[in-house]
C-alpha atoms as a PDB file:
ATOM      1  CA  MET A   1      42.768 -79.745  36.705  1.00  0.00           C
ATOM      2  CA  LYS A   2      43.651 -83.182  37.064  1.00  0.00           C
ATOM      3  CA  ASN A   3      45.732 -82.699  39.958  1.00  0.00           C
ATOM      4  CA  ASN A   4      43.157 -80.780  41.905  1.00  0.00           C
ATOM      5  CA  THR A   5      39.364 -81.793  42.746  1.00  0.00           C
ATOM      6  CA  LEU A   6      36.955 -81.278  40.147  1.00  0.00           C
ATOM      7  CA  LYS A   7      33.933 -79.271  41.636  1.00  0.00           C
ATOM      8  CA  ILE A   8      30.823 -80.456  39.709  1.00  0.00           C
ATOM      9  CA  ALA A   9      27.274 -79.121  39.615  1.00  0.00           C
ATOM     10  CA  ILE A  10      24.352 -81.432  38.098  1.00  0.00           C
ATOM     11  CA  VAL A  11      21.990 -78.906  36.870  1.00  0.00           C
ATOM     12  CA  GLY A  12      18.600 -81.098  37.129  1.00  0.00           C
ATOM     13  CA  SER A  13      19.528 -83.635  39.019  1.00  0.00           C
ATOM     14  CA  SER A  14      15.992 -85.041  39.917  1.00  0.00           C
ATOM     15  CA  GLY A  15      15.716 -86.820  36.614  1.00  0.00           C
ATOM     16  CA  TYR A  16      17.079 -90.366  35.540  1.00  0.00           C
ATOM     17  CA  THR A  17      19.894 -88.840  33.866  1.00  0.00           C
ATOM     18  CA  GLY A  18      21.030 -86.798  37.079  1.00  0.00           C
ATOM     19  CA  GLY A  19      20.410 -89.594  39.350  1.00  0.00           C
ATOM     20  CA  GLU A  20      23.116 -91.743  37.067  1.00  0.00           C
ATOM     21  CA  LEU A  21      25.481 -89.005  36.793  1.00  0.00           C
ATOM     22  CA  TYR A  22      25.889 -88.949  40.444  1.00  0.00           C
ATOM     23  CA  ARG A  23      26.077 -92.644  40.893  1.00  0.00           C
ATOM     24  CA  ILE A  24      28.926 -92.613  38.259  1.00  0.00           C
ATOM     25  CA  LEU A  25      30.622 -89.871  39.639  1.00  0.00           C
ATOM     26  CA  LEU A  26      30.650 -91.507  43.209  1.00  0.00           C
ATOM     27  CA  HIS A  27      33.196 -93.848  41.383  1.00  0.00           C
ATOM     28  CA  HIS A  28      35.190 -90.907  39.844  1.00  0.00           C
ATOM     29  CA  PRO A  29      38.745 -90.707  41.525  1.00  0.00           C
ATOM     30  CA  GLY A  30      39.083 -86.517  40.832  1.00  0.00           C
ATOM     31  CA  ALA A  31      35.225 -85.101  40.885  1.00  0.00           C
ATOM     32  CA  VAL A  32      33.333 -84.686  43.620  1.00  0.00           C
ATOM     33  CA  VAL A  33      29.657 -83.450  43.254  1.00  0.00           C
ATOM     34  CA  THR A  34      29.330 -79.987  45.281  1.00  0.00           C
ATOM     35  CA  VAL A  35      25.571 -78.335  44.058  1.00  0.00           C
ATOM     36  CA  VAL A  36      22.631 -79.996  42.357  1.00  0.00           C
ATOM     37  CA  THR A  37      19.686 -78.318  41.544  1.00  0.00           C
ATOM     38  CA  SER A  38      16.105 -79.411  41.399  1.00  0.00           C
ATOM     39  CA  GLU A  39      12.971 -77.115  40.601  1.00  0.00           C
ATOM     40  CA  LYS A  40      10.552 -79.555  41.734  1.00  0.00           C
ATOM     41  CA  SER A  41      12.272 -80.471  44.389  1.00  0.00           C
ATOM     42  CA  ALA A  42      14.085 -77.557  46.064  1.00  0.00           C
ATOM     43  CA  GLY A  43      14.857 -78.066  49.412  1.00  0.00           C
ATOM     44  CA  LYS A  44      14.967 -81.703  49.256  1.00  0.00           C
ATOM     45  CA  PRO A  45      17.803 -83.602  50.176  1.00  0.00           C
ATOM     46  CA  ILE A  46      19.051 -85.540  46.813  1.00  0.00           C
ATOM     47  CA  THR A  47      18.581 -88.684  48.974  1.00  0.00           C
ATOM     48  CA  ASP A  48      14.843 -88.374  49.447  1.00  0.00           C
ATOM     49  CA  ILE A  49      14.584 -88.518  45.537  1.00  0.00           C
ATOM     50  CA  PHE A  50      17.484 -91.206  44.936  1.00  0.00           C
ATOM     51  CA  PRO A  51      17.756 -93.520  48.158  1.00  0.00           C
ATOM     52  CA  HIS A  52      20.290 -95.495  47.086  1.00  0.00           C
ATOM     53  CA  LEU A  53      22.453 -92.642  47.779  1.00  0.00           C
ATOM     54  CA  LEU A  54      21.803 -92.259  51.345  1.00  0.00           C
ATOM     55  CA  GLY A  55      24.750 -92.348  53.494  1.00  0.00           C
ATOM     56  CA  LEU A  56      26.710 -91.111  50.419  1.00  0.00           C
ATOM     57  CA  THR A  57      25.907 -87.298  50.218  1.00  0.00           C
ATOM     58  CA  ASP A  58      24.645 -84.830  52.344  1.00  0.00           C
ATOM     59  CA  LEU A  59      23.478 -82.386  49.277  1.00  0.00           C
ATOM     60  CA  VAL A  60      20.175 -80.563  49.400  1.00  0.00           C
ATOM     61  CA  CYS A  61      18.450 -79.552  45.954  1.00  0.00           C
ATOM     62  CA  GLU A  62      18.445 -75.920  44.976  1.00  0.00           C
ATOM     63  CA  PRO A  63      16.752 -73.709  42.494  1.00  0.00           C
ATOM     64  CA  LEU A  64      18.885 -72.638  39.305  1.00  0.00           C
ATOM     65  CA  ASP A  65      21.139 -69.839  39.901  1.00  0.00           C
ATOM     66  CA  PRO A  66      23.817 -69.712  37.638  1.00  0.00           C
ATOM     67  CA  ALA A  67      25.355 -67.109  39.416  1.00  0.00           C
ATOM     68  CA  SER A  68      25.509 -69.676  42.804  1.00  0.00           C
ATOM     69  CA  ILE A  69      26.618 -72.558  40.752  1.00  0.00           C
ATOM     70  CA  ALA A  70      29.785 -70.474  39.396  1.00  0.00           C
ATOM     71  CA  LYS A  71      30.652 -69.842  42.833  1.00  0.00           C
ATOM     72  CA  LYS A  72      30.519 -73.897  43.719  1.00  0.00           C
ATOM     73  CA  ALA A  73      31.394 -75.418  40.882  1.00  0.00           C
ATOM     74  CA  ASP A  74      34.226 -75.762  37.570  1.00  0.00           C
ATOM     75  CA  LEU A  75      31.596 -77.634  35.197  1.00  0.00           C
ATOM     76  CA  ALA A  76      28.035 -78.046  34.978  1.00  0.00           C
ATOM     77  CA  PHE A  77      26.233 -81.037  33.993  1.00  0.00           C
ATOM     78  CA  LEU A  78      22.837 -79.646  32.474  1.00  0.00           C
ATOM     79  CA  ALA A  79      19.865 -82.581  32.976  1.00  0.00           C
ATOM     80  CA  LEU A  80      17.242 -80.263  31.719  1.00  0.00           C
ATOM     81  CA  PRO A  81      14.583 -80.758  29.192  1.00  0.00           C
ATOM     82  CA  HIS A  82      15.359 -78.913  25.511  1.00  0.00           C
ATOM     83  CA  VAL A  83      14.628 -75.489  25.441  1.00  0.00           C
ATOM     84  CA  THR A  84      14.803 -74.824  29.358  1.00  0.00           C
ATOM     85  CA  ALA A  85      18.647 -75.904  29.184  1.00  0.00           C
ATOM     86  CA  GLN A  86      19.275 -73.353  26.565  1.00  0.00           C
ATOM     87  CA  GLU A  87      19.355 -70.437  28.746  1.00  0.00           C
ATOM     88  CA  ALA A  88      21.418 -71.870  31.475  1.00  0.00           C
ATOM     89  CA  ALA A  89      24.185 -72.931  29.359  1.00  0.00           C
ATOM     90  CA  PHE A  90      24.294 -69.696  28.327  1.00  0.00           C
ATOM     91  CA  GLN A  91      24.423 -68.331  31.836  1.00  0.00           C
ATOM     92  CA  LEU A  92      26.799 -70.596  33.207  1.00  0.00           C
ATOM     93  CA  HIS A  93      29.218 -70.264  30.134  1.00  0.00           C
ATOM     94  CA  LYS A  94      29.358 -66.752  30.035  1.00  0.00           C
ATOM     95  CA  GLN A  95      30.775 -67.137  33.929  1.00  0.00           C
ATOM     96  CA  GLY A  96      33.489 -69.307  32.693  1.00  0.00           C
ATOM     97  CA  VAL A  97      31.767 -72.815  33.635  1.00  0.00           C
ATOM     98  CA  LYS A  98      32.468 -75.630  31.542  1.00  0.00           C
ATOM     99  CA  VAL A  99      29.265 -76.862  30.055  1.00  0.00           C
ATOM    100  CA  VAL A 100      28.116 -80.649  29.511  1.00  0.00           C
ATOM    101  CA  ASP A 101      24.844 -80.443  27.852  1.00  0.00           C
ATOM    102  CA  LEU A 102      22.632 -83.400  28.440  1.00  0.00           C
ATOM    103  CA  SER A 103      19.854 -81.854  26.592  1.00  0.00           C
ATOM    104  CA  ALA A 104      19.155 -81.510  22.700  1.00  0.00           C
ATOM    105  CA  ASP A 105      19.630 -78.267  22.605  1.00  0.00           C
ATOM    106  CA  HIS A 106      23.390 -77.495  21.358  1.00  0.00           C
ATOM    107  CA  ARG A 107      23.345 -80.785  19.201  1.00  0.00           C
ATOM    108  CA  LEU A 108      22.010 -79.498  15.783  1.00  0.00           C
ATOM    109  CA  ALA A 109      24.846 -76.968  14.315  1.00  0.00           C
ATOM    110  CA  ASP A 110      22.293 -75.411  12.152  1.00  0.00           C
ATOM    111  CA  PRO A 111      19.711 -73.167  14.083  1.00  0.00           C
ATOM    112  CA  ALA A 112      17.056 -73.434  11.267  1.00  0.00           C
ATOM    113  CA  LEU A 113      17.387 -77.098  11.618  1.00  0.00           C
ATOM    114  CA  TYR A 114      16.650 -76.780  15.314  1.00  0.00           C
ATOM    115  CA  GLU A 115      13.581 -75.194  14.744  1.00  0.00           C
ATOM    116  CA  THR A 116      12.064 -77.506  12.524  1.00  0.00           C
ATOM    117  CA  TRP A 117      12.573 -80.604  14.771  1.00  0.00           C
ATOM    118  CA  TYR A 118      11.903 -79.119  18.071  1.00  0.00           C
ATOM    119  CA  GLU A 119       9.382 -76.115  17.166  1.00  0.00           C
ATOM    120  CA  HIS A 120      11.533 -73.116  19.101  1.00  0.00           C
ATOM    121  CA  CYS A 121      13.536 -70.644  17.801  1.00  0.00           C
ATOM    122  CA  HIS A 122      16.865 -71.295  19.574  1.00  0.00           C
ATOM    123  CA  GLN A 123      17.704 -68.591  21.806  1.00  0.00           C
ATOM    124  CA  HIS A 124      21.672 -68.105  21.818  1.00  0.00           C
ATOM    125  CA  PRO A 125      22.107 -69.392  18.253  1.00  0.00           C
ATOM    126  CA  GLU A 126      25.865 -67.891  18.480  1.00  0.00           C
ATOM    127  CA  LEU A 127      26.687 -70.782  21.215  1.00  0.00           C
ATOM    128  CA  LEU A 128      25.992 -73.707  18.554  1.00  0.00           C
ATOM    129  CA  LYS A 129      29.063 -72.298  16.896  1.00  0.00           C
ATOM    130  CA  SER A 130      31.312 -73.127  19.679  1.00  0.00           C
ATOM    131  CA  ALA A 131      29.453 -76.289  20.749  1.00  0.00           C
ATOM    132  CA  VAL A 132      31.056 -79.636  19.866  1.00  0.00           C
ATOM    133  CA  TYR A 133      29.102 -82.797  19.426  1.00  0.00           C
ATOM    134  CA  GLY A 134      29.905 -85.098  22.480  1.00  0.00           C
ATOM    135  CA  LEU A 135      30.921 -88.509  20.335  1.00  0.00           C
ATOM    136  CA  PRO A 136      34.349 -89.228  21.922  1.00  0.00           C
ATOM    137  CA  GLU A 137      34.673 -91.991  18.931  1.00  0.00           C
ATOM    138  CA  LEU A 138      34.600 -89.104  16.163  1.00  0.00           C
ATOM    139  CA  HIS A 139      35.471 -86.090  17.962  1.00  0.00           C
ATOM    140  CA  ARG A 140      37.871 -86.611  20.708  1.00  0.00           C
ATOM    141  CA  GLU A 141      40.585 -84.111  19.710  1.00  0.00           C
ATOM    142  CA  ARG A 142      37.673 -81.432  19.740  1.00  0.00           C
ATOM    143  CA  ILE A 143      36.422 -82.363  22.751  1.00  0.00           C
ATOM    144  CA  ARG A 144      39.805 -82.114  24.903  1.00  0.00           C
ATOM    145  CA  LYS A 145      39.609 -78.203  23.884  1.00  0.00           C
ATOM    146  CA  ALA A 146      36.135 -77.557  24.343  1.00  0.00           C
ATOM    147  CA  SER A 147      34.002 -75.318  26.908  1.00  0.00           C
ATOM    148  CA  LEU A 148      30.546 -76.815  26.073  1.00  0.00           C
ATOM    149  CA  ILE A 149      29.641 -80.132  24.862  1.00  0.00           C
ATOM    150  CA  ALA A 150      26.490 -81.171  23.263  1.00  0.00           C
ATOM    151  CA  ASN A 151      26.170 -84.554  24.571  1.00  0.00           C
ATOM    152  CA  PRO A 152      24.650 -87.276  21.888  1.00  0.00           C
ATOM    153  CA  GLY A 153      21.182 -88.514  22.300  1.00  0.00           C
ATOM    154  CA  CYS A 154      20.546 -91.976  23.069  1.00  0.00           C
ATOM    155  CA  TYR A 155      19.177 -93.191  19.845  1.00  0.00           C
ATOM    156  CA  PRO A 156      21.784 -91.487  17.815  1.00  0.00           C
ATOM    157  CA  THR A 157      25.017 -92.872  19.667  1.00  0.00           C
ATOM    158  CA  SER A 158      23.586 -96.393  18.831  1.00  0.00           C
ATOM    159  CA  ALA A 159      22.816 -95.650  15.473  1.00  0.00           C
ATOM    160  CA  ILE A 160      25.983 -93.637  14.619  1.00  0.00           C
ATOM    161  CA  LEU A 161      28.875 -96.008  16.476  1.00  0.00           C
ATOM    162  CA  GLY A 162      26.987 -98.399  14.383  1.00  0.00           C
ATOM    163  CA  LEU A 163      27.315 -96.688  10.387  1.00  0.00           C
ATOM    164  CA  ALA A 164      30.696 -94.603  11.166  1.00  0.00           C
ATOM    165  CA  PRO A 165      32.841 -97.310   9.784  1.00  0.00           C
ATOM    166  CA  VAL A 166      31.167 -98.271   7.070  1.00  0.00           C
ATOM    167  CA  VAL A 167      29.940 -94.583   5.991  1.00  0.00           C
ATOM    168  CA  ALA A 168      33.251 -93.491   6.460  1.00  0.00           C
ATOM    169  CA  LYS A 169      34.990 -95.667   4.414  1.00  0.00           C
ATOM    170  CA  LYS A 170      32.208 -95.728   1.812  1.00  0.00           C
ATOM    171  CA  MET A 171      31.197 -99.597   1.807  1.00  0.00           C
ATOM    172  CA  ILE A 172      27.590 -98.628   1.731  1.00  0.00           C
ATOM    173  CA  ASP A 173      25.339 -96.764  -0.340  1.00  0.00           C
ATOM    174  CA  VAL A 174      24.128 -94.044   2.172  1.00  0.00           C
ATOM    175  CA  GLY A 175      21.040 -93.739   0.255  1.00  0.00           C
ATOM    176  CA  THR A 176      19.822 -96.790   1.642  1.00  0.00           C
ATOM    177  CA  ILE A 177      19.831 -97.193   5.247  1.00  0.00           C
ATOM    178  CA  VAL A 178      17.268 -98.214   7.795  1.00  0.00           C
ATOM    179  CA  VAL A 179      17.749 -97.773  11.776  1.00  0.00           C
ATOM    180  CA  ASP A 180      15.406-100.122  13.682  1.00  0.00           C
ATOM    181  CA  SER A 181      15.958 -99.471  17.355  1.00  0.00           C
ATOM    182  CA  LYS A 182      14.099-100.485  20.967  1.00  0.00           C
ATOM    183  CA  SER A 183      14.372 -98.712  23.563  1.00  0.00           C
ATOM    184  CA  GLY A 184      13.737 -99.275  27.317  1.00  0.00           C
ATOM    185  CA  VAL A 185      10.803 -97.124  29.198  1.00  0.00           C
ATOM    186  CA  SER A 186      13.575 -94.839  31.107  1.00  0.00           C
ATOM    187  CA  GLY A 187      14.430 -92.858  27.728  1.00  0.00           C
ATOM    188  CA  ALA A 188      11.157 -91.457  28.311  1.00  0.00           C
ATOM    189  CA  GLY A 189      12.262 -89.692  30.812  1.00  0.00           C
ATOM    190  CA  ARG A 190      11.033 -90.136  34.669  1.00  0.00           C
ATOM    191  CA  SER A 191       7.864 -87.702  34.554  1.00  0.00           C
ATOM    192  CA  PRO A 192       4.866 -89.831  34.364  1.00  0.00           C
ATOM    193  CA  ALA A 193       2.853 -90.273  31.187  1.00  0.00           C
ATOM    194  CA  LEU A 194       0.020 -92.508  30.336  1.00  0.00           C
ATOM    195  CA  ALA A 195       2.242 -94.654  27.865  1.00  0.00           C
ATOM    196  CA  TYR A 196       4.678 -95.201  30.126  1.00  0.00           C
ATOM    197  CA  HIS A 197       2.173 -96.560  32.757  1.00  0.00           C
ATOM    198  CA  TYR A 198       3.126 -99.843  34.059  1.00  0.00           C
ATOM    199  CA  PRO A 199      -0.102-101.529  32.775  1.00  0.00           C
ATOM    200  CA  GLU A 200       0.265 -99.701  29.194  1.00  0.00           C
ATOM    201  CA  ALA A 201       3.641-100.479  28.775  1.00  0.00           C
ATOM    202  CA  ASN A 202       4.384-103.834  30.424  1.00  0.00           C
ATOM    203  CA  GLU A 203       3.582-106.767  27.575  1.00  0.00           C
ATOM    204  CA  GLY A 204       3.397-104.077  25.027  1.00  0.00           C
ATOM    205  CA  PHE A 205       5.995-103.405  22.187  1.00  0.00           C
ATOM    206  CA  MET A 206       4.990-100.561  19.921  1.00  0.00           C
ATOM    207  CA  ALA A 207       6.943 -98.328  17.045  1.00  0.00           C
ATOM    208  CA  TYR A 208       6.410 -94.699  17.910  1.00  0.00           C
ATOM    209  CA  LYS A 209       7.123 -91.433  15.991  1.00  0.00           C
ATOM    210  CA  VAL A 210       7.391 -93.054  12.769  1.00  0.00           C
ATOM    211  CA  GLY A 211       9.219 -90.798  10.725  1.00  0.00           C
ATOM    212  CA  THR A 212       9.211 -87.996  13.015  1.00  0.00           C
ATOM    213  CA  HIS A 213      11.619 -88.935  15.416  1.00  0.00           C
ATOM    214  CA  ARG A 214      13.706 -85.532  16.525  1.00  0.00           C
ATOM    215  CA  HIS A 215      16.939 -87.480  17.051  1.00  0.00           C
ATOM    216  CA  THR A 216      16.662 -88.166  12.879  1.00  0.00           C
ATOM    217  CA  PRO A 217      18.375 -85.219  12.160  1.00  0.00           C
ATOM    218  CA  GLU A 218      21.178 -85.724  14.326  1.00  0.00           C
ATOM    219  CA  ILE A 219      21.902 -88.782  13.434  1.00  0.00           C
ATOM    220  CA  GLU A 220      21.727 -87.585   9.935  1.00  0.00           C
ATOM    221  CA  GLN A 221      24.005 -84.641  10.434  1.00  0.00           C
ATOM    222  CA  GLU A 222      27.107 -86.383  11.991  1.00  0.00           C
ATOM    223  CA  LEU A 223      26.523 -89.226   9.280  1.00  0.00           C
ATOM    224  CA  SER A 224      26.764 -86.156   6.743  1.00  0.00           C
ATOM    225  CA  LEU A 225      30.217 -85.036   8.324  1.00  0.00           C
ATOM    226  CA  LEU A 226      31.316 -88.557   8.033  1.00  0.00           C
ATOM    227  CA  ALA A 227      30.184 -89.323   4.234  1.00  0.00           C
ATOM    228  CA  ASP A 228      30.981 -85.909   2.959  1.00  0.00           C
ATOM    229  CA  ALA A 229      27.717 -85.509   1.357  1.00  0.00           C
ATOM    230  CA  SER A 230      24.270 -85.159   2.153  1.00  0.00           C
ATOM    231  CA  VAL A 231      22.583 -88.399   4.482  1.00  0.00           C
ATOM    232  CA  THR A 232      18.968 -88.680   4.397  1.00  0.00           C
ATOM    233  CA  LEU A 233      18.270 -92.322   6.327  1.00  0.00           C
ATOM    234  CA  SER A 234      14.573 -94.128   7.787  1.00  0.00           C
ATOM    235  CA  PHE A 235      14.686 -94.157  11.684  1.00  0.00           C
ATOM    236  CA  THR A 236      11.808 -96.329  13.445  1.00  0.00           C
ATOM    237  CA  PRO A 237      12.188 -96.069  16.968  1.00  0.00           C
ATOM    238  CA  HIS A 238      10.157 -98.617  18.982  1.00  0.00           C
ATOM    239  CA  LEU A 239       9.314 -99.025  22.976  1.00  0.00           C
ATOM    240  CA  VAL A 240      10.460-102.145  24.636  1.00  0.00           C
ATOM    241  CA  PRO A 241       8.760-102.995  28.426  1.00  0.00           C
ATOM    242  CA  MET A 242      12.154-103.276  30.020  1.00  0.00           C
ATOM    243  CA  THR A 243      13.930-100.587  32.332  1.00  0.00           C
ATOM    244  CA  ARG A 244      16.869 -99.628  30.436  1.00  0.00           C
ATOM    245  CA  GLY A 245      18.954-100.268  27.178  1.00  0.00           C
ATOM    246  CA  ILE A 246      18.542 -99.736  23.053  1.00  0.00           C
ATOM    247  CA  LEU A 247      19.214-102.403  20.741  1.00  0.00           C
ATOM    248  CA  SER A 248      19.641-101.049  16.983  1.00  0.00           C
ATOM    249  CA  THR A 249      19.365-103.312  13.962  1.00  0.00           C
ATOM    250  CA  ILE A 250      20.989-101.510  10.901  1.00  0.00           C
ATOM    251  CA  TYR A 251      20.325-102.192   7.346  1.00  0.00           C
ATOM    252  CA  ALA A 252      21.981-100.776   4.380  1.00  0.00           C
ATOM    253  CA  LYS A 253      23.496-101.825   0.628  1.00  0.00           C
ATOM    254  CA  LEU A 254      26.783-102.449   0.180  1.00  0.00           C
ATOM    255  CA  SER A 255      28.383-100.103  -2.199  1.00  0.00           C
ATOM    256  CA  VAL A 256      31.337-102.735  -3.121  1.00  0.00           C
ATOM    257  CA  PRO A 257      31.655-106.558  -2.586  1.00  0.00           C
ATOM    258  CA  ALA A 258      32.248-107.793   1.028  1.00  0.00           C
ATOM    259  CA  ASP A 259      31.682-110.795   3.530  1.00  0.00           C
ATOM    260  CA  THR A 260      30.841-110.867   6.683  1.00  0.00           C
ATOM    261  CA  GLY A 261      34.644-111.284   7.341  1.00  0.00           C
ATOM    262  CA  THR A 262      35.496-108.145   5.343  1.00  0.00           C
ATOM    263  CA  LEU A 263      32.891-106.088   6.971  1.00  0.00           C
ATOM    264  CA  HIS A 264      34.239-107.441  10.791  1.00  0.00           C
ATOM    265  CA  ASN A 265      37.909-106.165   9.938  1.00  0.00           C
ATOM    266  CA  LEU A 266      36.890-102.738   8.845  1.00  0.00           C
ATOM    267  CA  PHE A 267      34.990-102.201  12.118  1.00  0.00           C
ATOM    268  CA  GLN A 268      37.985-104.014  14.467  1.00  0.00           C
ATOM    269  CA  GLU A 269      40.369-101.153  13.020  1.00  0.00           C
ATOM    270  CA  PHE A 270      38.336 -98.422  13.377  1.00  0.00           C
ATOM    271  CA  TYR A 271      37.312 -99.093  16.652  1.00  0.00           C
ATOM    272  CA  ARG A 272      41.017-100.425  17.696  1.00  0.00           C
ATOM    273  CA  ASN A 273      41.635 -98.367  20.215  1.00  0.00           C
ATOM    274  CA  GLU A 274      38.121 -97.305  21.645  1.00  0.00           C
ATOM    275  CA  PRO A 275      37.634 -98.090  25.246  1.00  0.00           C
ATOM    276  CA  PHE A 276      34.214 -98.531  25.365  1.00  0.00           C
ATOM    277  CA  VAL A 277      33.457 -99.770  22.019  1.00  0.00           C
ATOM    278  CA  ARG A 278      32.870-103.950  21.757  1.00  0.00           C
ATOM    279  CA  LEU A 279      33.319-105.851  18.598  1.00  0.00           C
ATOM    280  CA  LEU A 280      31.764-109.204  19.399  1.00  0.00           C
ATOM    281  CA  PRO A 281      33.241-111.950  17.871  1.00  0.00           C
ATOM    282  CA  LEU A 282      32.008-112.982  14.096  1.00  0.00           C
ATOM    283  CA  GLY A 283      28.516-114.500  14.450  1.00  0.00           C
ATOM    284  CA  GLN A 284      27.821-112.975  17.721  1.00  0.00           C
ATOM    285  CA  PHE A 285      25.124-110.065  18.201  1.00  0.00           C
ATOM    286  CA  PRO A 286      24.613-107.819  21.064  1.00  0.00           C
ATOM    287  CA  ASN A 287      22.235-108.453  24.194  1.00  0.00           C
ATOM    288  CA  VAL A 288      21.622-105.289  26.026  1.00  0.00           C
ATOM    289  CA  ARG A 289      21.397-106.808  29.349  1.00  0.00           C
ATOM    290  CA  ASN A 290      25.425-107.596  28.736  1.00  0.00           C
ATOM    291  CA  VAL A 291      25.914-103.617  28.664  1.00  0.00           C
ATOM    292  CA  ARG A 292      23.403-102.671  31.366  1.00  0.00           C
ATOM    293  CA  GLY A 293      24.494 -99.867  34.042  1.00  0.00           C
ATOM    294  CA  SER A 294      28.076 -99.749  31.878  1.00  0.00           C
ATOM    295  CA  ASN A 295      29.472 -97.031  29.480  1.00  0.00           C
ATOM    296  CA  PHE A 296      29.909-100.196  26.588  1.00  0.00           C
ATOM    297  CA  CYS A 297      28.577 -99.844  22.759  1.00  0.00           C
ATOM    298  CA  ASP A 298      28.438-103.285  21.940  1.00  0.00           C
ATOM    299  CA  ILE A 299      28.408-104.334  18.281  1.00  0.00           C
ATOM    300  CA  GLY A 300      27.690-107.388  15.343  1.00  0.00           C
ATOM    301  CA  VAL A 301      27.972-107.251  12.102  1.00  0.00           C
ATOM    302  CA  HIS A 302      26.615-109.600   8.956  1.00  0.00           C
ATOM    303  CA  ALA A 303      27.130-108.887   5.549  1.00  0.00           C
ATOM    304  CA  ASP A 304      24.104-110.824   3.877  1.00  0.00           C
ATOM    305  CA  GLY A 305      25.437-112.290   0.674  1.00  0.00           C
ATOM    306  CA  ARG A 306      21.647-113.134  -0.317  1.00  0.00           C
ATOM    307  CA  THR A 307      20.392-109.577  -0.499  1.00  0.00           C
ATOM    308  CA  GLY A 308      23.842-107.540  -0.249  1.00  0.00           C
ATOM    309  CA  ARG A 309      22.929-105.359   2.418  1.00  0.00           C
ATOM    310  CA  ALA A 310      25.090-105.103   5.378  1.00  0.00           C
ATOM    311  CA  VAL A 311      23.194-106.199   8.972  1.00  0.00           C
ATOM    312  CA  ILE A 312      24.758-104.178  11.886  1.00  0.00           C
ATOM    313  CA  VAL A 313      23.146-104.851  15.483  1.00  0.00           C
ATOM    314  CA  THR A 314      24.233-102.496  18.688  1.00  0.00           C
ATOM    315  CA  ALA A 315      23.583-102.481  22.092  1.00  0.00           C
ATOM    316  CA  ILE A 316      23.948 -99.432  24.550  1.00  0.00           C
ATOM    317  CA  ASP A 317      22.314 -98.685  28.364  1.00  0.00           C
ATOM    318  CA  ASN A 318      20.292 -95.554  27.064  1.00  0.00           C
ATOM    319  CA  LEU A 319      20.678 -93.682  30.534  1.00  0.00           C
ATOM    320  CA  VAL A 320      25.146 -94.727  30.543  1.00  0.00           C
ATOM    321  CA  LYS A 321      26.690 -94.638  27.048  1.00  0.00           C
ATOM    322  CA  GLY A 322      23.411 -92.706  25.792  1.00  0.00           C
ATOM    323  CA  ALA A 323      23.261 -89.995  28.565  1.00  0.00           C
ATOM    324  CA  SER A 324      25.079 -89.999  31.440  1.00  0.00           C
ATOM    325  CA  GLY A 325      27.979 -92.221  31.334  1.00  0.00           C
ATOM    326  CA  GLN A 326      29.412 -90.478  27.877  1.00  0.00           C
ATOM    327  CA  ALA A 327      28.793 -87.265  29.473  1.00  0.00           C
ATOM    328  CA  VAL A 328      31.315 -88.117  32.240  1.00  0.00           C
ATOM    329  CA  GLN A 329      33.635 -89.666  29.432  1.00  0.00           C
ATOM    330  CA  ASN A 330      33.212 -86.080  27.579  1.00  0.00           C
ATOM    331  CA  MET A 331      34.174 -84.395  30.949  1.00  0.00           C
ATOM    332  CA  ASN A 332      37.466 -86.591  31.290  1.00  0.00           C
ATOM    333  CA  LEU A 333      38.417 -85.568  27.934  1.00  0.00           C
ATOM    334  CA  MET A 334      37.726 -82.079  29.042  1.00  0.00           C
ATOM    335  CA  MET A 335      39.258 -81.791  32.250  1.00  0.00           C
ATOM    336  CA  GLY A 336      42.250 -83.881  31.703  1.00  0.00           C
ATOM    337  CA  TYR A 337      41.274 -86.947  33.575  1.00  0.00           C
ATOM    338  CA  GLU A 338      42.320 -90.684  31.923  1.00  0.00           C
ATOM    339  CA  GLU A 339      39.115 -90.952  29.627  1.00  0.00           C
ATOM    340  CA  THR A 340      37.780 -94.045  31.411  1.00  0.00           C
ATOM    341  CA  ALA A 341      38.030 -92.718  34.752  1.00  0.00           C
ATOM    342  CA  GLY A 342      35.074 -93.600  36.814  1.00  0.00           C
ATOM    343  CA  LEU A 343      33.603 -95.355  34.066  1.00  0.00           C
ATOM    344  CA  LYS A 344      35.096 -98.509  33.112  1.00  0.00           C
ATOM    345  CA  PHE A 345      34.174-100.903  35.813  1.00  0.00           C
ATOM    346  CA  ALA A 346      31.696 -98.731  37.614  1.00  0.00           C
ATOM    347  CA  GLY A 347      28.092-100.118  37.376  1.00  0.00           C
ATOM    348  CA  LEU A 348      28.418-103.148  35.573  1.00  0.00           C
ATOM    349  CA  PHE A 349      25.474-105.388  36.374  1.00  0.00           C
ATOM    350  CA  PRO A 350      25.447-109.331  36.277  1.00  0.00           C
END
């Protein structure tokens, strides 16, 4: 496929992740968007929804029709709400279209766990067996062979990348993990809601879904695989009055003596060949403004000798490495493109 033009469908194109997908794919050397769907905006040019695309595309939004998509696209990105994505993934997968699902519908391998946290029975639990969790830093080789990718959530991406080295190398007590995350308002999606209305969110700063956020089992699932043991952690998200970005500060008790230099060397070795993970120099910590619009995850580490805890700070753009950028990274691996194609420099904002 890498020697031919890859035809792309963006299913659910009117949300923030759909818009980011289109923005990123405009920079891709081998892919072209051939169909966009939106139930609410069917019949409207995509440029009516995203005016920044004016002059770059003449596509018109269509209703979701898997049979029609299968004729026009080799791969579909599903930027749909959870539950809604299940049937679309099933129908497209059945017709031979490769799927990258940006919803939560295929992230949890256990359908009972999905039902508990999302309060819906999974309509196609058989697909969960073939879906690959799309975090390239952990599952790159499986992603290359997959036809259905469960694109990770934004909070889990920031948390798992921050914890993977110390969990895999058994440097921390996994029973002491606390993940404290702050997200920009775009993480809530584009549909209007009172809590994200400008007068409500501006100059505010609040925790929400304390102890009940649906991304919790996703983080625990992936860390449990790394630890080869069940991991239960505390995760608290916060809403920050900025448009985009996630800053996660992670705490855990060190299980072996280690200073900051030792911790830093561990992360450096673990992520040595990763194109989108940037370990900051000793004593420096991430700022979300430095990853805005990019597919990078910036990481800073500290070993607190006084408390015996590891303190790990990560920063990502929730719409890029936390969603659409990571989806394109997965697409590149699935379809045989250079992993960084369309991503390395696109959208780096000053």
